[in-house]
Protein backbone atom coordinates (compact mmCIF):
# COMPACT_ATOMS: atom_id res chain seq x y z
CA UNK A 1 61.19 111.75 117.83
CA UNK A 2 59.73 113.65 120.76
CA UNK A 3 56.35 111.93 120.47
CA UNK A 4 58.12 108.54 120.43
CA UNK A 5 59.79 109.39 123.72
CA UNK A 6 56.54 110.42 125.38
CA UNK A 7 54.94 107.13 124.35
CA UNK A 8 57.75 105.08 125.89
CA UNK A 9 57.59 107.33 128.95
CA UNK A 10 53.88 106.63 129.33
CA UNK A 11 54.52 102.92 128.90
CA UNK A 12 57.09 103.03 131.68
CA UNK A 13 54.62 104.87 133.88
CA UNK A 14 52.00 102.20 133.18
CA UNK A 15 54.52 99.49 134.03
CA UNK A 16 55.19 101.19 137.34
CA UNK A 17 51.47 101.42 138.03
CA UNK A 18 50.96 97.78 137.12
CA UNK A 19 53.89 96.58 139.21
CA UNK A 20 52.59 98.66 142.12
CA UNK A 21 49.21 96.91 141.83
CA UNK A 22 50.91 93.53 141.55
CA UNK A 23 53.02 94.36 144.60
CA UNK A 24 49.95 95.46 146.59
CA UNK A 25 48.21 92.22 145.61
CA UNK A 26 51.29 90.24 146.65
CA UNK A 27 51.41 91.97 150.04
CA UNK A 28 47.68 91.30 150.53
CA UNK A 29 48.12 87.62 149.63
CA UNK A 30 51.06 87.37 152.02
CA UNK A 31 49.02 88.90 154.87
CA UNK A 32 46.14 86.51 154.22
CA UNK A 33 48.52 83.55 154.08
CA UNK A 34 50.11 84.53 157.40
CA UNK A 35 46.66 85.00 158.95
CA UNK A 36 45.58 81.54 157.78
CA UNK A 37 48.79 80.01 159.14
CA UNK A 38 48.24 81.79 162.46
CA UNK A 39 44.63 80.58 162.73
CA UNK A 40 45.74 77.07 161.81
CA UNK A 41 48.43 77.06 164.50
CA UNK A 42 45.97 78.41 167.07
CA UNK A 43 43.55 75.60 166.19
CA UNK A 44 46.29 72.98 166.57
CA UNK A 45 47.30 74.60 169.87
CA UNK A 46 43.73 74.34 171.19
CA UNK A 47 43.44 70.73 170.05
CA UNK A 48 46.70 69.90 171.81
CA UNK A 49 45.53 71.64 174.98
CA UNK A 50 42.27 69.67 174.88
CA UNK A 51 44.13 66.43 174.25
CA UNK A 52 46.40 67.15 177.19
CA UNK A 53 43.46 68.20 179.33
CA UNK A 54 44.55 71.83 179.58
CA UNK A 55 41.51 74.01 178.99
CA UNK A 56 42.17 77.68 178.50
């Protein structure tokens, strides 16, 4: 009975570790997505400025 508990305990621990990794990956993806969006908006901004004849 005791050994059964320790196994399920380890499994839970592994789940936590896995979900932590998944979460870290998710955060990383989110940061990269925001960075891409930011770069994209900056590019559009520059194109608009050029089109309007405003050079920064």
